Amino acid sequence: MGSLQTALLERGIAVLYKELGPNETIKFLQNLGVNSGDSVKEIESITEKYSRKEALEKLSKYKKK
């Protein structure tokens, strides 16, 4: 996945998280069929560029919004 696609995915998830909250975001993505495939590998491929500290900072940023 390219950096533009990754950025768009991150923005989309952030909007969903902000508007729907974590539980409803997960339900929404599941209804779209996003959970088909190996989600662990998909998440790892997107987040592998972040250190643990950076990943936690991004998460806390979205939680505050």
PDB file of N, CA and C in Angstrom:
ATOM      1  N   MET A   1       0.852  -1.174   0.000  1.00  0.00           N
ATOM      2  CA  MET A   1       0.000   0.000   0.000  1.00  0.00           C
ATOM      3  C   MET A   1       0.895   1.234   0.000  1.00  0.00           C
ATOM      4  N   GLY A   2       0.588   2.168  -0.884  1.00  0.00           N
ATOM      5  CA  GLY A   2       1.381   3.378  -0.987  1.00  0.00           C
ATOM      6  C   GLY A   2       1.106   4.346   0.133  1.00  0.00           C
ATOM      7  N   SER A   3       1.974   5.334   0.253  1.00  0.00           N
ATOM      8  CA  SER A   3       1.832   6.296   1.348  1.00  0.00           C
ATOM      9  C   SER A   3       0.560   7.127   1.207  1.00  0.00           C
ATOM     10  N   LEU A   4       0.144   7.415  -0.035  1.00  0.00           N
ATOM     11  CA  LEU A   4      -1.096   8.169  -0.237  1.00  0.00           C
ATOM     12  C   LEU A   4      -2.296   7.343   0.211  1.00  0.00           C
ATOM     13  N   GLN A   5      -2.303   6.061  -0.121  1.00  0.00           N
ATOM     14  CA  GLN A   5      -3.387   5.179   0.299  1.00  0.00           C
ATOM     15  C   GLN A   5      -3.391   5.025   1.816  1.00  0.00           C
ATOM     16  N   THR A   6      -2.211   4.896   2.404  1.00  0.00           N
ATOM     17  CA  THR A   6      -2.116   4.763   3.851  1.00  0.00           C
ATOM     18  C   THR A   6      -2.624   6.013   4.542  1.00  0.00           C
ATOM     19  N   ALA A   7      -2.244   7.180   4.037  1.00  0.00           N
ATOM     20  CA  ALA A   7      -2.697   8.444   4.622  1.00  0.00           C
ATOM     21  C   ALA A   7      -4.212   8.574   4.528  1.00  0.00           C
ATOM     22  N   LEU A   8      -4.770   8.196   3.387  1.00  0.00           N
ATOM     23  CA  LEU A   8      -6.215   8.270   3.212  1.00  0.00           C
ATOM     24  C   LEU A   8      -6.919   7.305   4.166  1.00  0.00           C
ATOM     25  N   LEU A   9      -6.374   6.106   4.304  1.00  0.00           N
ATOM     26  CA  LEU A   9      -6.937   5.126   5.227  1.00  0.00           C
ATOM     27  C   LEU A   9      -6.893   5.649   6.663  1.00  0.00           C
ATOM     28  N   GLU A  10      -5.775   6.224   7.059  1.00  0.00           N
ATOM     29  CA  GLU A  10      -5.639   6.774   8.410  1.00  0.00           C
ATOM     30  C   GLU A  10      -6.647   7.897   8.646  1.00  0.00           C
ATOM     31  N   ARG A  11      -6.815   8.785   7.674  1.00  0.00           N
ATOM     32  CA  ARG A  11      -7.774   9.893   7.820  1.00  0.00           C
ATOM     33  C   ARG A  11      -9.203   9.370   7.919  1.00  0.00           C
ATOM     34  N   GLY A  12      -9.514   8.398   7.087  1.00  0.00           N
ATOM     35  CA  GLY A  12     -10.858   7.840   7.106  1.00  0.00           C
ATOM     36  C   GLY A  12     -11.187   7.177   8.425  1.00  0.00           C
ATOM     37  N   ILE A  13     -10.248   6.400   8.942  1.00  0.00           N
ATOM     38  CA  ILE A  13     -10.466   5.741  10.226  1.00  0.00           C
ATOM     39  C   ILE A  13     -10.578   6.775  11.347  1.00  0.00           C
ATOM     40  N   ALA A  14      -9.767   7.832  11.265  1.00  0.00           N
ATOM     41  CA  ALA A  14      -9.831   8.881  12.289  1.00  0.00           C
ATOM     42  C   ALA A  14     -11.196   9.555  12.302  1.00  0.00           C
ATOM     43  N   VAL A  15     -11.748   9.820  11.124  1.00  0.00           N
ATOM     44  CA  VAL A  15     -13.076  10.447  11.037  1.00  0.00           C
ATOM     45  C   VAL A  15     -14.133   9.509  11.607  1.00  0.00           C
ATOM     46  N   LEU A  16     -14.071   8.242  11.213  1.00  0.00           N
ATOM     47  CA  LEU A  16     -15.021   7.266  11.748  1.00  0.00           C
ATOM     48  C   LEU A  16     -14.921   7.186  13.265  1.00  0.00           C
ATOM     49  N   TYR A  17     -13.703   7.125  13.764  1.00  0.00           N
ATOM     50  CA  TYR A  17     -13.469   7.017  15.207  1.00  0.00           C
ATOM     51  C   TYR A  17     -14.032   8.245  15.930  1.00  0.00           C
ATOM     52  N   LYS A  18     -13.793   9.413  15.358  1.00  0.00           N
ATOM     53  CA  LYS A  18     -14.262  10.652  15.988  1.00  0.00           C
ATOM     54  C   LYS A  18     -15.787  10.724  15.991  1.00  0.00           C
ATOM     55  N   GLU A  19     -16.408  10.368  14.882  1.00  0.00           N
ATOM     56  CA  GLU A  19     -17.854  10.502  14.745  1.00  0.00           C
ATOM     57  C   GLU A  19     -18.638   9.346  15.365  1.00  0.00           C
ATOM     58  N   LEU A  20     -18.108   8.144  15.270  1.00  0.00           N
ATOM     59  CA  LEU A  20     -18.851   6.964  15.714  1.00  0.00           C
ATOM     60  C   LEU A  20     -18.356   6.370  17.023  1.00  0.00           C
ATOM     61  N   GLY A  21     -17.118   6.662  17.387  1.00  0.00           N
ATOM     62  CA  GLY A  21     -16.524   6.016  18.546  1.00  0.00           C
ATOM     63  C   GLY A  21     -15.945   4.665  18.131  1.00  0.00           C
ATOM     64  N   PRO A  22     -15.147   4.057  19.007  1.00  0.00           N
ATOM     65  CA  PRO A  22     -14.442   2.832  18.630  1.00  0.00           C
ATOM     66  C   PRO A  22     -15.354   1.650  18.323  1.00  0.00           C
ATOM     67  N   ASN A  23     -16.370   1.419  19.120  1.00  0.00           N
ATOM     68  CA  ASN A  23     -17.236   0.250  18.912  1.00  0.00           C
ATOM     69  C   ASN A  23     -18.016   0.343  17.611  1.00  0.00           C
ATOM     70  N   GLU A  24     -18.611   1.498  17.364  1.00  0.00           N
ATOM     71  CA  GLU A  24     -19.391   1.668  16.147  1.00  0.00           C
ATOM     72  C   GLU A  24     -18.500   1.678  14.906  1.00  0.00           C
ATOM     73  N   THR A  25     -17.272   2.191  15.033  1.00  0.00           N
ATOM     74  CA  THR A  25     -16.337   2.160  13.916  1.00  0.00           C
ATOM     75  C   THR A  25     -16.030   0.723  13.517  1.00  0.00           C
ATOM     76  N   ILE A  26     -15.769  -0.107  14.494  1.00  0.00           N
ATOM     77  CA  ILE A  26     -15.488  -1.516  14.223  1.00  0.00           C
ATOM     78  C   ILE A  26     -16.691  -2.183  13.571  1.00  0.00           C
ATOM     79  N   LYS A  27     -17.880  -1.931  14.092  1.00  0.00           N
ATOM     80  CA  LYS A  27     -19.089  -2.519  13.504  1.00  0.00           C
ATOM     81  C   LYS A  27     -19.276  -2.051  12.069  1.00  0.00           C
ATOM     82  N   PHE A  28     -19.041  -0.770  11.829  1.00  0.00           N
ATOM     83  CA  PHE A  28     -19.177  -0.213  10.486  1.00  0.00           C
ATOM     84  C   PHE A  28     -18.215  -0.895   9.518  1.00  0.00           C
ATOM     85  N   LEU A  29     -16.959  -1.010   9.913  1.00  0.00           N
ATOM     86  CA  LEU A  29     -15.962  -1.644   9.047  1.00  0.00           C
ATOM     87  C   LEU A  29     -16.272  -3.115   8.820  1.00  0.00           C
ATOM     88  N   GLN A  30     -16.782  -3.789   9.830  1.00  0.00           N
ATOM     89  CA  GLN A  30     -17.168  -5.185   9.682  1.00  0.00           C
ATOM     90  C   GLN A  30     -18.316  -5.327   8.691  1.00  0.00           C
ATOM     91  N   ASN A  31     -19.273  -4.415   8.738  1.00  0.00           N
ATOM     92  CA  ASN A  31     -20.397  -4.453   7.804  1.00  0.00           C
ATOM     93  C   ASN A  31     -19.952  -4.237   6.363  1.00  0.00           C
ATOM     94  N   LEU A  32     -18.867  -3.497   6.179  1.00  0.00           N
ATOM     95  CA  LEU A  32     -18.343  -3.277   4.837  1.00  0.00           C
ATOM     96  C   LEU A  32     -17.539  -4.469   4.331  1.00  0.00           C
ATOM     97  N   GLY A  33     -17.232  -5.399   5.224  1.00  0.00           N
ATOM     98  CA  GLY A  33     -16.420  -6.542   4.825  1.00  0.00           C
ATOM     99  C   GLY A  33     -14.941  -6.276   4.917  1.00  0.00           C
ATOM    100  N   VAL A  34     -14.583  -5.220   5.628  1.00  0.00           N
ATOM    101  CA  VAL A  34     -13.171  -4.871   5.767  1.00  0.00           C
ATOM    102  C   VAL A  34     -12.420  -5.948   6.535  1.00  0.00           C
ATOM    103  N   ASN A  35     -13.125  -6.700   7.342  1.00  0.00           N
ATOM    104  CA  ASN A  35     -12.451  -7.695   8.156  1.00  0.00           C
ATOM    105  C   ASN A  35     -12.178  -8.991   7.402  1.00  0.00           C
ATOM    106  N   SER A  36     -12.484  -9.025   6.108  1.00  0.00           N
ATOM    107  CA  SER A  36     -12.150 -10.223   5.355  1.00  0.00           C
ATOM    108  C   SER A  36     -10.662 -10.197   5.039  1.00  0.00           C
ATOM    109  N   GLY A  37     -10.033 -11.341   5.087  1.00  0.00           N
ATOM    110  CA  GLY A  37      -8.598 -11.410   4.870  1.00  0.00           C
ATOM    111  C   GLY A  37      -7.871 -11.493   6.196  1.00  0.00           C
ATOM    112  N   ASP A  38      -6.579 -11.305   6.148  1.00  0.00           N
ATOM    113  CA  ASP A  38      -5.755 -11.404   7.356  1.00  0.00           C
ATOM    114  C   ASP A  38      -5.551 -10.012   7.924  1.00  0.00           C
ATOM    115  N   SER A  39      -6.443  -9.608   8.812  1.00  0.00           N
ATOM    116  CA  SER A  39      -6.409  -8.241   9.334  1.00  0.00           C
ATOM    117  C   SER A  39      -5.143  -7.942  10.120  1.00  0.00           C
ATOM    118  N   VAL A  40      -4.597  -8.953  10.801  1.00  0.00           N
ATOM    119  CA  VAL A  40      -3.368  -8.724  11.572  1.00  0.00           C
ATOM    120  C   VAL A  40      -2.235  -8.327  10.630  1.00  0.00           C
ATOM    121  N   LYS A  41      -2.088  -9.045   9.525  1.00  0.00           N
ATOM    122  CA  LYS A  41      -1.030  -8.709   8.562  1.00  0.00           C
ATOM    123  C   LYS A  41      -1.271  -7.341   7.938  1.00  0.00           C
ATOM    124  N   GLU A  42      -2.532  -7.035   7.649  1.00  0.00           N
ATOM    125  CA  GLU A  42      -2.852  -5.734   7.068  1.00  0.00           C
ATOM    126  C   GLU A  42      -2.497  -4.607   8.027  1.00  0.00           C
ATOM    127  N   ILE A  43      -2.871  -4.757   9.285  1.00  0.00           N
ATOM    128  CA  ILE A  43      -2.558  -3.737  10.289  1.00  0.00           C
ATOM    129  C   ILE A  43      -1.053  -3.616  10.478  1.00  0.00           C
ATOM    130  N   GLU A  44      -0.366  -4.751  10.542  1.00  0.00           N
ATOM    131  CA  GLU A  44       1.083  -4.723  10.705  1.00  0.00           C
ATOM    132  C   GLU A  44       1.760  -4.027   9.529  1.00  0.00           C
ATOM    133  N   SER A  45       1.273  -4.267   8.313  1.00  0.00           N
ATOM    134  CA  SER A  45       1.897  -3.640   7.144  1.00  0.00           C
ATOM    135  C   SER A  45       1.711  -2.122   7.163  1.00  0.00           C
ATOM    136  N   ILE A  46       0.601  -1.655   7.710  1.00  0.00           N
ATOM    137  CA  ILE A  46       0.351  -0.213   7.786  1.00  0.00           C
ATOM    138  C   ILE A  46       1.151   0.423   8.913  1.00  0.00           C
ATOM    139  N   THR A  47       1.273  -0.277  10.029  1.00  0.00           N
ATOM    140  CA  THR A  47       1.885   0.322  11.216  1.00  0.00           C
ATOM    141  C   THR A  47       3.350  -0.030  11.401  1.00  0.00           C
ATOM    142  N   GLU A  48       3.925  -0.859  10.539  1.00  0.00           N
ATOM    143  CA  GLU A  48       5.300  -1.289  10.743  1.00  0.00           C
ATOM    144  C   GLU A  48       6.298  -0.146  10.694  1.00  0.00           C
ATOM    145  N   LYS A  49       5.927   0.951  10.032  1.00  0.00           N
ATOM    146  CA  LYS A  49       6.842   2.088   9.930  1.00  0.00           C
ATOM    147  C   LYS A  49       6.903   2.908  11.217  1.00  0.00           C
ATOM    148  N   TYR A  50       5.958   2.678  12.133  1.00  0.00           N
ATOM    149  CA  TYR A  50       5.919   3.433  13.382  1.00  0.00           C
ATOM    150  C   TYR A  50       6.622   2.684  14.506  1.00  0.00           C
ATOM    151  N   SER A  51       7.296   3.455  15.350  1.00  0.00           N
ATOM    152  CA  SER A  51       7.819   2.869  16.584  1.00  0.00           C
ATOM    153  C   SER A  51       6.646   2.694  17.537  1.00  0.00           C
ATOM    154  N   ARG A  52       6.851   1.966  18.592  1.00  0.00           N
ATOM    155  CA  ARG A  52       5.782   1.781  19.588  1.00  0.00           C
ATOM    156  C   ARG A  52       5.314   3.135  20.112  1.00  0.00           C
ATOM    157  N   LYS A  53       6.271   4.022  20.389  1.00  0.00           N
ATOM    158  CA  LYS A  53       5.944   5.342  20.918  1.00  0.00           C
ATOM    159  C   LYS A  53       5.102   6.139  19.923  1.00  0.00           C
ATOM    160  N   GLU A  54       5.496   6.114  18.643  1.00  0.00           N
ATOM    161  CA  GLU A  54       4.748   6.847  17.623  1.00  0.00           C
ATOM    162  C   GLU A  54       3.325   6.300  17.471  1.00  0.00           C
ATOM    163  N   ALA A  55       3.198   4.984  17.494  1.00  0.00           N
ATOM    164  CA  ALA A  55       1.873   4.365  17.357  1.00  0.00           C
ATOM    165  C   ALA A  55       0.971   4.773  18.515  1.00  0.00           C
ATOM    166  N   LEU A  56       1.513   4.752  19.735  1.00  0.00           N
ATOM    167  CA  LEU A  56       0.724   5.138  20.903  1.00  0.00           C
ATOM    168  C   LEU A  56       0.346   6.611  20.864  1.00  0.00           C
ATOM    169  N   GLU A  57       1.248   7.456  20.361  1.00  0.00           N
ATOM    170  CA  GLU A  57       0.947   8.880  20.234  1.00  0.00           C
ATOM    171  C   GLU A  57      -0.191   9.110  19.247  1.00  0.00           C
ATOM    172  N   LYS A  58      -0.173   8.386  18.115  1.00  0.00           N
ATOM    173  CA  LYS A  58      -1.249   8.522  17.131  1.00  0.00           C
ATOM    174  C   LYS A  58      -2.576   8.087  17.720  1.00  0.00           C
ATOM    175  N   LEU A  59      -2.571   6.982  18.429  1.00  0.00           N
ATOM    176  CA  LEU A  59      -3.792   6.494  19.061  1.00  0.00           C
ATOM    177  C   LEU A  59      -4.342   7.490  20.061  1.00  0.00           C
ATOM    178  N   SER A  60      -3.470   8.032  20.910  1.00  0.00           N
ATOM    179  CA  SER A  60      -3.936   8.981  21.918  1.00  0.00           C
ATOM    180  C   SER A  60      -4.421  10.269  21.263  1.00  0.00           C
ATOM    181  N   LYS A  61      -3.841  10.662  20.145  1.00  0.00           N
ATOM    182  CA  LYS A  61      -4.303  11.844  19.420  1.00  0.00           C
ATOM    183  C   LYS A  61      -5.732  11.674  18.949  1.00  0.00           C
ATOM    184  N   TYR A  62      -6.048  10.499  18.418  1.00  0.00           N
ATOM    185  CA  TYR A  62      -7.404  10.251  17.928  1.00  0.00           C
ATOM    186  C   TYR A  62      -8.392  10.082  19.069  1.00  0.00           C
ATOM    187  N   LYS A  63      -7.948   9.580  20.206  1.00  0.00           N
ATOM    188  CA  LYS A  63      -8.843   9.421  21.351  1.00  0.00           C
ATOM    189  C   LYS A  63      -9.269  10.767  21.908  1.00  0.00           C
ATOM    190  N   LYS A  64      -8.408  11.768  21.813  1.00  0.00           N
ATOM    191  CA  LYS A  64      -8.701  13.088  22.370  1.00  0.00           C
ATOM    192  C   LYS A  64      -9.689  13.874  21.531  1.00  0.00           C
ATOM    193  N   LYS A  65      -9.820  13.547  20.250  1.00  0.00           N
ATOM    194  CA  LYS A  65     -10.685  14.318  19.344  1.00  0.00           C
ATOM    195  C   LYS A  65     -12.138  14.039  19.578  1.00  0.00           C
TER     196      LYS A  65
END
